[in-house]
Amino acid sequence: MKYEEIQNDYQSYWSIIKDESVPPALIANCMRNIVEYFFNFVQKRDFNNVFQSHALAADKYQAFYRYMNRESHSLGQNIFDIKEFNYSDFKEGLKLIFEECGYSDHYKAMMK
């Protein structure tokens, strides 16, 4: 493996979500890890109010919303929400989060 091919965890999460053939639970979990890492650790922002945006309140993002707002170490009672996984809606929802919070350039760079 060449040095340029080595990625950190954050970059790896982005690589995984770009691949529709990856199991839905893994894609959704990677999206949640991206959101938690970027907003909580990099930007030091509270992510709780992001879904108050009109664009993200649409019905089609409700499964995405529930999944993103579960704590990483929750009891897992909502784990079955993944049956509602729709790759397009989750991907759109992730993009909207970054756009609504003013980080669309970061989203575009990571999705290349």
PDB file of N, CA and C in Angstrom:
ATOM      1  N   MET A   1       0.842  -1.177   0.000  1.00  0.00           N
ATOM      2  CA  MET A   1       0.000   0.000   0.000  1.00  0.00           C
ATOM      3  C   MET A   1       0.889   1.243   0.000  1.00  0.00           C
ATOM      4  N   LYS A   2       0.541   2.186  -0.841  1.00  0.00           N
ATOM      5  CA  LYS A   2       1.308   3.427  -0.913  1.00  0.00           C
ATOM      6  C   LYS A   2       0.830   4.387   0.181  1.00  0.00           C
ATOM      7  N   TYR A   3       1.711   5.292   0.566  1.00  0.00           N
ATOM      8  CA  TYR A   3       1.400   6.257   1.609  1.00  0.00           C
ATOM      9  C   TYR A   3       0.128   7.047   1.267  1.00  0.00           C
ATOM     10  N   GLU A   4      -0.031   7.426   0.001  1.00  0.00           N
ATOM     11  CA  GLU A   4      -1.186   8.228  -0.428  1.00  0.00           C
ATOM     12  C   GLU A   4      -2.502   7.476  -0.263  1.00  0.00           C
ATOM     13  N   GLU A   5      -2.447   6.153  -0.169  1.00  0.00           N
ATOM     14  CA  GLU A   5      -3.652   5.350  -0.062  1.00  0.00           C
ATOM     15  C   GLU A   5      -4.134   5.178   1.385  1.00  0.00           C
ATOM     16  N   ILE A   6      -3.298   5.545   2.325  1.00  0.00           N
ATOM     17  CA  ILE A   6      -3.647   5.411   3.733  1.00  0.00           C
ATOM     18  C   ILE A   6      -4.576   6.553   4.125  1.00  0.00           C
ATOM     19  N   GLN A   7      -5.674   6.208   4.780  1.00  0.00           N
ATOM     20  CA  GLN A   7      -6.652   7.205   5.186  1.00  0.00           C
ATOM     21  C   GLN A   7      -6.855   7.146   6.698  1.00  0.00           C
ATOM     22  N   ASN A   8      -7.264   8.278   7.247  1.00  0.00           N
ATOM     23  CA  ASN A   8      -7.653   8.242   8.657  1.00  0.00           C
ATOM     24  C   ASN A   8      -9.101   7.754   8.742  1.00  0.00           C
ATOM     25  N   ASP A   9      -9.604   7.561   9.953  1.00  0.00           N
ATOM     26  CA  ASP A   9     -10.964   7.045  10.128  1.00  0.00           C
ATOM     27  C   ASP A   9     -12.001   7.934   9.443  1.00  0.00           C
ATOM     28  N   TYR A  10     -11.870   9.234   9.614  1.00  0.00           N
ATOM     29  CA  TYR A  10     -12.835  10.175   9.049  1.00  0.00           C
ATOM     30  C   TYR A  10     -12.898  10.032   7.532  1.00  0.00           C
ATOM     31  N   GLN A  11     -11.765   9.980   6.877  1.00  0.00           N
ATOM     32  CA  GLN A  11     -11.733   9.810   5.421  1.00  0.00           C
ATOM     33  C   GLN A  11     -12.326   8.457   5.021  1.00  0.00           C
ATOM     34  N   SER A  12     -12.053   7.444   5.812  1.00  0.00           N
ATOM     35  CA  SER A  12     -12.589   6.110   5.527  1.00  0.00           C
ATOM     36  C   SER A  12     -14.111   6.101   5.595  1.00  0.00           C
ATOM     37  N   TYR A  13     -14.674   6.813   6.573  1.00  0.00           N
ATOM     38  CA  TYR A  13     -16.135   6.894   6.659  1.00  0.00           C
ATOM     39  C   TYR A  13     -16.723   7.469   5.376  1.00  0.00           C
ATOM     40  N   TRP A  14     -16.100   8.517   4.860  1.00  0.00           N
ATOM     41  CA  TRP A  14     -16.579   9.126   3.628  1.00  0.00           C
ATOM     42  C   TRP A  14     -16.460   8.149   2.461  1.00  0.00           C
ATOM     43  N   SER A  15     -15.395   7.399   2.404  1.00  0.00           N
ATOM     44  CA  SER A  15     -15.222   6.408   1.329  1.00  0.00           C
ATOM     45  C   SER A  15     -16.335   5.366   1.378  1.00  0.00           C
ATOM     46  N   ILE A  16     -16.690   4.942   2.566  1.00  0.00           N
ATOM     47  CA  ILE A  16     -17.729   3.922   2.720  1.00  0.00           C
ATOM     48  C   ILE A  16     -19.082   4.436   2.269  1.00  0.00           C
ATOM     49  N   ILE A  17     -19.438   5.658   2.644  1.00  0.00           N
ATOM     50  CA  ILE A  17     -20.787   6.143   2.299  1.00  0.00           C
ATOM     51  C   ILE A  17     -20.956   6.414   0.807  1.00  0.00           C
ATOM     52  N   LYS A  18     -19.866   6.519   0.084  1.00  0.00           N
ATOM     53  CA  LYS A  18     -19.959   6.727  -1.373  1.00  0.00           C
ATOM     54  C   LYS A  18     -20.275   5.436  -2.117  1.00  0.00           C
ATOM     55  N   ASP A  19     -20.218   4.313  -1.438  1.00  0.00           N
ATOM     56  CA  ASP A  19     -20.422   3.013  -2.070  1.00  0.00           C
ATOM     57  C   ASP A  19     -21.797   2.455  -1.699  1.00  0.00           C
ATOM     58  N   GLU A  20     -22.756   2.552  -2.615  1.00  0.00           N
ATOM     59  CA  GLU A  20     -24.126   2.097  -2.373  1.00  0.00           C
ATOM     60  C   GLU A  20     -24.219   0.606  -2.074  1.00  0.00           C
ATOM     61  N   SER A  21     -23.218  -0.162  -2.475  1.00  0.00           N
ATOM     62  CA  SER A  21     -23.287  -1.618  -2.300  1.00  0.00           C
ATOM     63  C   SER A  21     -22.925  -2.061  -0.876  1.00  0.00           C
ATOM     64  N   VAL A  22     -22.427  -1.143  -0.066  1.00  0.00           N
ATOM     65  CA  VAL A  22     -22.095  -1.452   1.326  1.00  0.00           C
ATOM     66  C   VAL A  22     -23.407  -1.666   2.079  1.00  0.00           C
ATOM     67  N   PRO A  23     -23.448  -2.568   3.048  1.00  0.00           N
ATOM     68  CA  PRO A  23     -24.692  -2.787   3.809  1.00  0.00           C
ATOM     69  C   PRO A  23     -25.231  -1.485   4.420  1.00  0.00           C
ATOM     70  N   PRO A  24     -26.556  -1.305   4.356  1.00  0.00           N
ATOM     71  CA  PRO A  24     -27.176  -0.067   4.856  1.00  0.00           C
ATOM     72  C   PRO A  24     -26.787   0.312   6.281  1.00  0.00           C
ATOM     73  N   ALA A  25     -26.713  -0.651   7.174  1.00  0.00           N
ATOM     74  CA  ALA A  25     -26.374  -0.329   8.567  1.00  0.00           C
ATOM     75  C   ALA A  25     -24.985   0.285   8.666  1.00  0.00           C
ATOM     76  N   LEU A  26     -24.062  -0.191   7.849  1.00  0.00           N
ATOM     77  CA  LEU A  26     -22.702   0.355   7.863  1.00  0.00           C
ATOM     78  C   LEU A  26     -22.678   1.771   7.298  1.00  0.00           C
ATOM     79  N   ILE A  27     -23.400   1.998   6.201  1.00  0.00           N
ATOM     80  CA  ILE A  27     -23.457   3.344   5.609  1.00  0.00           C
ATOM     81  C   ILE A  27     -24.047   4.327   6.614  1.00  0.00           C
ATOM     82  N   ALA A  28     -25.177   3.961   7.204  1.00  0.00           N
ATOM     83  CA  ALA A  28     -25.838   4.861   8.159  1.00  0.00           C
ATOM     84  C   ALA A  28     -24.950   5.124   9.366  1.00  0.00           C
ATOM     85  N   ASN A  29     -24.283   4.103   9.864  1.00  0.00           N
ATOM     86  CA  ASN A  29     -23.400   4.288  11.015  1.00  0.00           C
ATOM     87  C   ASN A  29     -22.227   5.195  10.656  1.00  0.00           C
ATOM     88  N   CYS A  30     -21.678   5.035   9.468  1.00  0.00           N
ATOM     89  CA  CYS A  30     -20.573   5.907   9.033  1.00  0.00           C
ATOM     90  C   CYS A  30     -21.038   7.347   8.895  1.00  0.00           C
ATOM     91  N   MET A  31     -22.260   7.549   8.385  1.00  0.00           N
ATOM     92  CA  MET A  31     -22.801   8.907   8.295  1.00  0.00           C
ATOM     93  C   MET A  31     -22.909   9.524   9.687  1.00  0.00           C
ATOM     94  N   ARG A  32     -23.412   8.750  10.638  1.00  0.00           N
ATOM     95  CA  ARG A  32     -23.535   9.279  11.999  1.00  0.00           C
ATOM     96  C   ARG A  32     -22.164   9.607  12.583  1.00  0.00           C
ATOM     97  N   ASN A  33     -21.174   8.756  12.324  1.00  0.00           N
ATOM     98  CA  ASN A  33     -19.818   9.029  12.806  1.00  0.00           C
ATOM     99  C   ASN A  33     -19.244  10.291  12.169  1.00  0.00           C
ATOM    100  N   ILE A  34     -19.514  10.507  10.891  1.00  0.00           N
ATOM    101  CA  ILE A  34     -19.058  11.724  10.207  1.00  0.00           C
ATOM    102  C   ILE A  34     -19.666  12.948  10.881  1.00  0.00           C
ATOM    103  N   VAL A  35     -20.968  12.914  11.073  1.00  0.00           N
ATOM    104  CA  VAL A  35     -21.680  14.045  11.667  1.00  0.00           C
ATOM    105  C   VAL A  35     -21.170  14.328  13.078  1.00  0.00           C
ATOM    106  N   GLU A  36     -21.062  13.289  13.888  1.00  0.00           N
ATOM    107  CA  GLU A  36     -20.576  13.473  15.260  1.00  0.00           C
ATOM    108  C   GLU A  36     -19.164  14.029  15.277  1.00  0.00           C
ATOM    109  N   TYR A  37     -18.307  13.447  14.488  1.00  0.00           N
ATOM    110  CA  TYR A  37     -16.911  13.893  14.489  1.00  0.00           C
ATOM    111  C   TYR A  37     -16.799  15.329  13.995  1.00  0.00           C
ATOM    112  N   PHE A  38     -17.395  15.612  12.841  1.00  0.00           N
ATOM    113  CA  PHE A  38     -17.237  16.936  12.240  1.00  0.00           C
ATOM    114  C   PHE A  38     -17.828  18.037  13.119  1.00  0.00           C
ATOM    115  N   PHE A  39     -19.055  17.848  13.560  1.00  0.00           N
ATOM    116  CA  PHE A  39     -19.709  18.921  14.314  1.00  0.00           C
ATOM    117  C   PHE A  39     -19.264  18.992  15.773  1.00  0.00           C
ATOM    118  N   ASN A  40     -19.108  17.859  16.415  1.00  0.00           N
ATOM    119  CA  ASN A  40     -18.759  17.879  17.839  1.00  0.00           C
ATOM    120  C   ASN A  40     -17.280  18.122  18.099  1.00  0.00           C
ATOM    121  N   PHE A  41     -16.411  17.534  17.296  1.00  0.00           N
ATOM    122  CA  PHE A  41     -14.981  17.620  17.589  1.00  0.00           C
ATOM    123  C   PHE A  41     -14.242  18.645  16.740  1.00  0.00           C
ATOM    124  N   VAL A  42     -14.533  18.710  15.446  1.00  0.00           N
ATOM    125  CA  VAL A  42     -13.830  19.658  14.572  1.00  0.00           C
ATOM    126  C   VAL A  42     -14.397  21.065  14.743  1.00  0.00           C
ATOM    127  N   GLN A  43     -15.713  21.195  14.600  1.00  0.00           N
ATOM    128  CA  GLN A  43     -16.339  22.518  14.656  1.00  0.00           C
ATOM    129  C   GLN A  43     -16.752  22.926  16.062  1.00  0.00           C
ATOM    130  N   LYS A  44     -16.752  21.981  16.991  1.00  0.00           N
ATOM    131  CA  LYS A  44     -17.156  22.240  18.379  1.00  0.00           C
ATOM    132  C   LYS A  44     -18.536  22.906  18.436  1.00  0.00           C
ATOM    133  N   ARG A  45     -19.448  22.362  17.619  1.00  0.00           N
ATOM    134  CA  ARG A  45     -20.822  22.869  17.548  1.00  0.00           C
ATOM    135  C   ARG A  45     -21.776  21.830  18.095  1.00  0.00           C
ATOM    136  N   ASP A  46     -22.862  22.306  18.649  1.00  0.00           N
ATOM    137  CA  ASP A  46     -23.914  21.410  19.103  1.00  0.00           C
ATOM    138  C   ASP A  46     -24.773  21.051  17.896  1.00  0.00           C
ATOM    139  N   PHE A  47     -24.877  19.780  17.632  1.00  0.00           N
ATOM    140  CA  PHE A  47     -25.600  19.293  16.460  1.00  0.00           C
ATOM    141  C   PHE A  47     -27.107  19.194  16.691  1.00  0.00           C
ATOM    142  N   ASN A  48     -27.556  19.351  17.917  1.00  0.00           N
ATOM    143  CA  ASN A  48     -28.954  19.106  18.262  1.00  0.00           C
ATOM    144  C   ASN A  48     -29.964  19.928  17.476  1.00  0.00           C
ATOM    145  N   ASN A  49     -29.632  21.136  17.065  1.00  0.00           N
ATOM    146  CA  ASN A  49     -30.621  22.001  16.414  1.00  0.00           C
ATOM    147  C   ASN A  49     -30.595  21.965  14.896  1.00  0.00           C
ATOM    148  N   VAL A  50     -29.741  21.172  14.314  1.00  0.00           N
ATOM    149  CA  VAL A  50     -29.621  21.136  12.854  1.00  0.00           C
ATOM    150  C   VAL A  50     -30.936  20.731  12.197  1.00  0.00           C
ATOM    151  N   PHE A  51     -31.635  19.781  12.773  1.00  0.00           N
ATOM    152  CA  PHE A  51     -32.859  19.288  12.146  1.00  0.00           C
ATOM    153  C   PHE A  51     -34.046  20.225  12.343  1.00  0.00           C
ATOM    154  N   GLN A  52     -33.830  21.371  12.956  1.00  0.00           N
ATOM    155  CA  GLN A  52     -34.889  22.359  13.073  1.00  0.00           C
ATOM    156  C   GLN A  52     -35.069  23.093  11.747  1.00  0.00           C
ATOM    157  N   SER A  53     -34.117  22.933  10.853  1.00  0.00           N
ATOM    158  CA  SER A  53     -34.193  23.568   9.541  1.00  0.00           C
ATOM    159  C   SER A  53     -35.390  23.008   8.771  1.00  0.00           C
ATOM    160  N   HIS A  54     -36.066  23.869   8.050  1.00  0.00           N
ATOM    161  CA  HIS A  54     -37.250  23.479   7.275  1.00  0.00           C
ATOM    162  C   HIS A  54     -36.899  22.382   6.262  1.00  0.00           C
ATOM    163  N   ALA A  55     -35.775  22.511   5.593  1.00  0.00           N
ATOM    164  CA  ALA A  55     -35.382  21.547   4.561  1.00  0.00           C
ATOM    165  C   ALA A  55     -35.211  20.144   5.137  1.00  0.00           C
ATOM    166  N   LEU A  56     -34.669  20.041   6.332  1.00  0.00           N
ATOM    167  CA  LEU A  56     -34.409  18.731   6.934  1.00  0.00           C
ATOM    168  C   LEU A  56     -35.613  18.153   7.680  1.00  0.00           C
ATOM    169  N   ALA A  57     -36.676  18.932   7.801  1.00  0.00           N
ATOM    170  CA  ALA A  57     -37.860  18.465   8.511  1.00  0.00           C
ATOM    171  C   ALA A  57     -38.800  17.649   7.622  1.00  0.00           C
ATOM    172  N   ALA A  58     -38.490  17.545   6.346  1.00  0.00           N
ATOM    173  CA  ALA A  58     -39.341  16.808   5.410  1.00  0.00           C
ATOM    174  C   ALA A  58     -39.508  15.357   5.853  1.00  0.00           C
ATOM    175  N   ASP A  59     -40.683  14.816   5.581  1.00  0.00           N
ATOM    176  CA  ASP A  59     -40.997  13.440   5.977  1.00  0.00           C
ATOM    177  C   ASP A  59     -39.965  12.431   5.487  1.00  0.00           C
ATOM    178  N   LYS A  60     -39.451  12.637   4.286  1.00  0.00           N
ATOM    179  CA  LYS A  60     -38.528  11.639   3.731  1.00  0.00           C
ATOM    180  C   LYS A  60     -37.217  11.545   4.505  1.00  0.00           C
ATOM    181  N   TYR A  61     -36.934  12.520   5.361  1.00  0.00           N
ATOM    182  CA  TYR A  61     -35.702  12.492   6.158  1.00  0.00           C
ATOM    183  C   TYR A  61     -35.926  11.997   7.588  1.00  0.00           C
ATOM    184  N   GLN A  62     -37.121  11.529   7.911  1.00  0.00           N
ATOM    185  CA  GLN A  62     -37.412  11.148   9.294  1.00  0.00           C
ATOM    186  C   GLN A  62     -36.595   9.953   9.774  1.00  0.00           C
ATOM    187  N   ALA A  63     -36.430   8.929   8.933  1.00  0.00           N
ATOM    188  CA  ALA A  63     -35.599   7.782   9.333  1.00  0.00           C
ATOM    189  C   ALA A  63     -34.155   8.237   9.505  1.00  0.00           C
ATOM    190  N   PHE A  64     -33.687   9.082   8.599  1.00  0.00           N
ATOM    191  CA  PHE A  64     -32.336   9.638   8.683  1.00  0.00           C
ATOM    192  C   PHE A  64     -32.184  10.432   9.978  1.00  0.00           C
ATOM    193  N   TYR A  65     -33.168  11.264  10.270  1.00  0.00           N
ATOM    194  CA  TYR A  65     -33.161  12.082  11.493  1.00  0.00           C
ATOM    195  C   TYR A  65     -33.059  11.201  12.738  1.00  0.00           C
ATOM    196  N   ARG A  66     -33.910  10.175  12.813  1.00  0.00           N
ATOM    197  CA  ARG A  66     -33.878   9.291  13.980  1.00  0.00           C
ATOM    198  C   ARG A  66     -32.525   8.617  14.112  1.00  0.00           C
ATOM    199  N   TYR A  67     -31.976   8.175  13.010  1.00  0.00           N
ATOM    200  CA  TYR A  67     -30.696   7.474  13.079  1.00  0.00           C
ATOM    201  C   TYR A  67     -29.564   8.418  13.474  1.00  0.00           C
ATOM    202  N   MET A  68     -29.528   9.611  12.922  1.00  0.00           N
ATOM    203  CA  MET A  68     -28.455  10.568  13.221  1.00  0.00           C
ATOM    204  C   MET A  68     -28.522  11.062  14.654  1.00  0.00           C
ATOM    205  N   ASN A  69     -29.713  11.111  15.223  1.00  0.00           N
ATOM    206  CA  ASN A  69     -29.865  11.662  16.562  1.00  0.00           C
ATOM    207  C   ASN A  69     -29.797  10.635  17.673  1.00  0.00           C
ATOM    208  N   ARG A  70     -29.553   9.393  17.334  1.00  0.00           N
ATOM    209  CA  ARG A  70     -29.325   8.400  18.384  1.00  0.00           C
ATOM    210  C   ARG A  70     -27.905   8.579  18.879  1.00  0.00           C
ATOM    211  N   GLU A  71     -27.715   8.415  20.144  1.00  0.00           N
ATOM    212  CA  GLU A  71     -26.366   8.494  20.696  1.00  0.00           C
ATOM    213  C   GLU A  71     -25.560   7.300  20.202  1.00  0.00           C
ATOM    214  N   SER A  72     -24.265   7.458  20.035  1.00  0.00           N
ATOM    215  CA  SER A  72     -23.404   6.388  19.570  1.00  0.00           C
ATOM    216  C   SER A  72     -23.492   5.155  20.450  1.00  0.00           C
ATOM    217  N   HIS A  73     -23.688   5.367  21.726  1.00  0.00           N
ATOM    218  CA  HIS A  73     -23.694   4.247  22.658  1.00  0.00           C
ATOM    219  C   HIS A  73     -25.085   4.052  23.252  1.00  0.00           C
ATOM    220  N   SER A  74     -26.101   4.223  22.406  1.00  0.00           N
ATOM    221  CA  SER A  74     -27.474   4.070  22.892  1.00  0.00           C
ATOM    222  C   SER A  74     -27.768   2.605  23.175  1.00  0.00           C
ATOM    223  N   LEU A  75     -28.915   2.366  23.720  1.00  0.00           N
ATOM    224  CA  LEU A  75     -29.316   1.003  24.042  1.00  0.00           C
ATOM    225  C   LEU A  75     -29.667   0.209  22.792  1.00  0.00           C
ATOM    226  N   GLY A  76     -29.821   0.881  21.673  1.00  0.00           N
ATOM    227  CA  GLY A  76     -30.099   0.183  20.430  1.00  0.00           C
ATOM    228  C   GLY A  76     -31.564  -0.115  20.204  1.00  0.00           C
ATOM    229  N   GLN A  77     -32.448   0.526  20.979  1.00  0.00           N
ATOM    230  CA  GLN A  77     -33.857   0.226  20.800  1.00  0.00           C
ATOM    231  C   GLN A  77     -34.372   0.639  19.427  1.00  0.00           C
ATOM    232  N   ASN A  78     -33.716   1.572  18.756  1.00  0.00           N
ATOM    233  CA  ASN A  78     -34.158   2.007  17.429  1.00  0.00           C
ATOM    234  C   ASN A  78     -33.371   1.339  16.309  1.00  0.00           C
ATOM    235  N   ILE A  79     -32.638   0.307  16.614  1.00  0.00           N
ATOM    236  CA  ILE A  79     -31.776  -0.312  15.619  1.00  0.00           C
ATOM    237  C   ILE A  79     -32.577  -0.825  14.423  1.00  0.00           C
ATOM    238  N   PHE A  80     -33.835  -1.127  14.613  1.00  0.00           N
ATOM    239  CA  PHE A  80     -34.637  -1.653  13.522  1.00  0.00           C
ATOM    240  C   PHE A  80     -35.108  -0.577  12.551  1.00  0.00           C
ATOM    241  N   ASP A  81     -34.854   0.699  12.849  1.00  0.00           N
ATOM    242  CA  ASP A  81     -35.176   1.765  11.908  1.00  0.00           C
ATOM    243  C   ASP A  81     -34.444   1.579  10.594  1.00  0.00           C
ATOM    244  N   ILE A  82     -33.369   0.823  10.606  1.00  0.00           N
ATOM    245  CA  ILE A  82     -32.563   0.669   9.406  1.00  0.00           C
ATOM    246  C   ILE A  82     -33.368   0.010   8.286  1.00  0.00           C
ATOM    247  N   LYS A  83     -34.473  -0.648   8.622  1.00  0.00           N
ATOM    248  CA  LYS A  83     -35.327  -1.223   7.579  1.00  0.00           C
ATOM    249  C   LYS A  83     -35.874  -0.117   6.682  1.00  0.00           C
ATOM    250  N   GLU A  84     -35.904   1.109   7.198  1.00  0.00           N
ATOM    251  CA  GLU A  84     -36.386   2.251   6.434  1.00  0.00           C
ATOM    252  C   GLU A  84     -35.268   2.910   5.629  1.00  0.00           C
ATOM    253  N   PHE A  85     -34.083   2.327   5.640  1.00  0.00           N
ATOM    254  CA  PHE A  85     -32.932   2.930   4.978  1.00  0.00           C
ATOM    255  C   PHE A  85     -33.195   3.119   3.495  1.00  0.00           C
ATOM    256  N   ASN A  86     -33.028   4.329   3.044  1.00  0.00           N
ATOM    257  CA  ASN A  86     -33.108   4.653   1.625  1.00  0.00           C
ATOM    258  C   ASN A  86     -31.832   5.420   1.322  1.00  0.00           C
ATOM    259  N   TYR A  87     -30.934   4.807   0.556  1.00  0.00           N
ATOM    260  CA  TYR A  87     -29.622   5.391   0.317  1.00  0.00           C
ATOM    261  C   TYR A  87     -29.720   6.822  -0.189  1.00  0.00           C
ATOM    262  N   SER A  88     -30.606   7.072  -1.133  1.00  0.00           N
ATOM    263  CA  SER A  88     -30.734   8.421  -1.711  1.00  0.00           C
ATOM    264  C   SER A  88     -31.153   9.443  -0.664  1.00  0.00           C
ATOM    265  N   ASP A  89     -32.152   9.078   0.153  1.00  0.00           N
ATOM    266  CA  ASP A  89     -32.625  10.010   1.178  1.00  0.00           C
ATOM    267  C   ASP A  89     -31.566  10.271   2.237  1.00  0.00           C
ATOM    268  N   PHE A  90     -30.869   9.227   2.664  1.00  0.00           N
ATOM    269  CA  PHE A  90     -29.817   9.400   3.671  1.00  0.00           C
ATOM    270  C   PHE A  90     -28.683  10.257   3.097  1.00  0.00           C
ATOM    271  N   LYS A  91     -28.306  10.001   1.854  1.00  0.00           N
ATOM    272  CA  LYS A  91     -27.230  10.777   1.225  1.00  0.00           C
ATOM    273  C   LYS A  91     -27.654  12.243   1.069  1.00  0.00           C
ATOM    274  N   GLU A  92     -28.887  12.457   0.626  1.00  0.00           N
ATOM    275  CA  GLU A  92     -29.416  13.823   0.507  1.00  0.00           C
ATOM    276  C   GLU A  92     -29.461  14.511   1.868  1.00  0.00           C
ATOM    277  N   GLY A  93     -29.892  13.772   2.878  1.00  0.00           N
ATOM    278  CA  GLY A  93     -29.961  14.324   4.230  1.00  0.00           C
ATOM    279  C   GLY A  93     -28.594  14.746   4.740  1.00  0.00           C
ATOM    280  N   LEU A  94     -27.599  13.909   4.492  1.00  0.00           N
ATOM    281  CA  LEU A  94     -26.236  14.247   4.915  1.00  0.00           C
ATOM    282  C   LEU A  94     -25.758  15.515   4.206  1.00  0.00           C
ATOM    283  N   LYS A  95     -26.034  15.589   2.915  1.00  0.00           N
ATOM    284  CA  LYS A  95     -25.644  16.782   2.146  1.00  0.00           C
ATOM    285  C   LYS A  95     -26.348  18.025   2.703  1.00  0.00           C
ATOM    286  N   LEU A  96     -27.628  17.907   2.988  1.00  0.00           N
ATOM    287  CA  LEU A  96     -28.388  19.046   3.530  1.00  0.00           C
ATOM    288  C   LEU A  96     -27.840  19.517   4.871  1.00  0.00           C
ATOM    289  N   ILE A  97     -27.420  18.578   5.706  1.00  0.00           N
ATOM    290  CA  ILE A  97     -26.836  18.968   6.993  1.00  0.00           C
ATOM    291  C   ILE A  97     -25.655  19.904   6.774  1.00  0.00           C
ATOM    292  N   PHE A  98     -24.767  19.509   5.894  1.00  0.00           N
ATOM    293  CA  PHE A  98     -23.584  20.331   5.641  1.00  0.00           C
ATOM    294  C   PHE A  98     -23.955  21.649   4.968  1.00  0.00           C
ATOM    295  N   GLU A  99     -24.916  21.625   4.042  1.00  0.00           N
ATOM    296  CA  GLU A  99     -25.346  22.866   3.390  1.00  0.00           C
ATOM    297  C   GLU A  99     -26.018  23.812   4.370  1.00  0.00           C
ATOM    298  N   GLU A 100     -26.947  23.293   5.159  1.00  0.00           N
ATOM    299  CA  GLU A 100     -27.695  24.124   6.103  1.00  0.00           C
ATOM    300  C   GLU A 100     -26.796  24.749   7.167  1.00  0.00           C
ATOM    301  N   CYS A 101     -25.692  24.081   7.462  1.00  0.00           N
ATOM    302  CA  CYS A 101     -24.778  24.582   8.496  1.00  0.00           C
ATOM    303  C   CYS A 101     -23.621  25.400   7.906  1.00  0.00           C
ATOM    304  N   GLY A 102     -23.629  25.572   6.589  1.00  0.00           N
ATOM    305  CA  GLY A 102     -22.618  26.402   5.949  1.00  0.00           C
ATOM    306  C   GLY A 102     -21.322  25.689   5.589  1.00  0.00           C
ATOM    307  N   TYR A 103     -21.373  24.375   5.470  1.00  0.00           N
ATOM    308  CA  TYR A 103     -20.159  23.613   5.159  1.00  0.00           C
ATOM    309  C   TYR A 103     -20.287  22.820   3.863  1.00  0.00           C
ATOM    310  N   SER A 104     -20.975  23.382   2.879  1.00  0.00           N
ATOM    311  CA  SER A 104     -21.166  22.657   1.615  1.00  0.00           C
ATOM    312  C   SER A 104     -19.842  22.407   0.892  1.00  0.00           C
ATOM    313  N   ASP A 105     -18.874  23.303   1.032  1.00  0.00           N
ATOM    314  CA  ASP A 105     -17.569  23.085   0.397  1.00  0.00           C
ATOM    315  C   ASP A 105     -16.874  21.857   0.979  1.00  0.00           C
ATOM    316  N   HIS A 106     -17.008  21.670   2.283  1.00  0.00           N
ATOM    317  CA  HIS A 106     -16.410  20.494   2.919  1.00  0.00           C
ATOM    318  C   HIS A 106     -17.083  19.225   2.400  1.00  0.00           C
ATOM    319  N   TYR A 107     -18.404  19.258   2.314  1.00  0.00           N
ATOM    320  CA  TYR A 107     -19.146  18.106   1.800  1.00  0.00           C
ATOM    321  C   TYR A 107     -18.691  17.755   0.377  1.00  0.00           C
ATOM    322  N   LYS A 108     -18.627  18.767  -0.464  1.00  0.00           N
ATOM    323  CA  LYS A 108     -18.216  18.541  -1.861  1.00  0.00           C
ATOM    324  C   LYS A 108     -16.801  17.968  -1.933  1.00  0.00           C
ATOM    325  N   ALA A 109     -15.899  18.486  -1.128  1.00  0.00           N
ATOM    326  CA  ALA A 109     -14.515  17.994  -1.140  1.00  0.00           C
ATOM    327  C   ALA A 109     -14.456  16.543  -0.695  1.00  0.00           C
ATOM    328  N   MET A 110     -15.221  16.183   0.307  1.00  0.00           N
ATOM    329  CA  MET A 110     -15.175  14.817   0.816  1.00  0.00           C
ATOM    330  C   MET A 110     -15.886  13.821  -0.094  1.00  0.00           C
ATOM    331  N   MET A 111     -16.851  14.288  -0.879  1.00  0.00           N
ATOM    332  CA  MET A 111     -17.598  13.397  -1.767  1.00  0.00           C
ATOM    333  C   MET A 111     -16.949  13.224  -3.135  1.00  0.00           C
ATOM    334  N   LYS A 112     -15.817  13.865  -3.365  1.00  0.00           N
ATOM    335  CA  LYS A 112     -15.121  13.705  -4.664  1.00  0.00           C
ATOM    336  C   LYS A 112     -14.716  12.280  -4.874  1.00  0.00           C
TER     337      LYS A 112
END
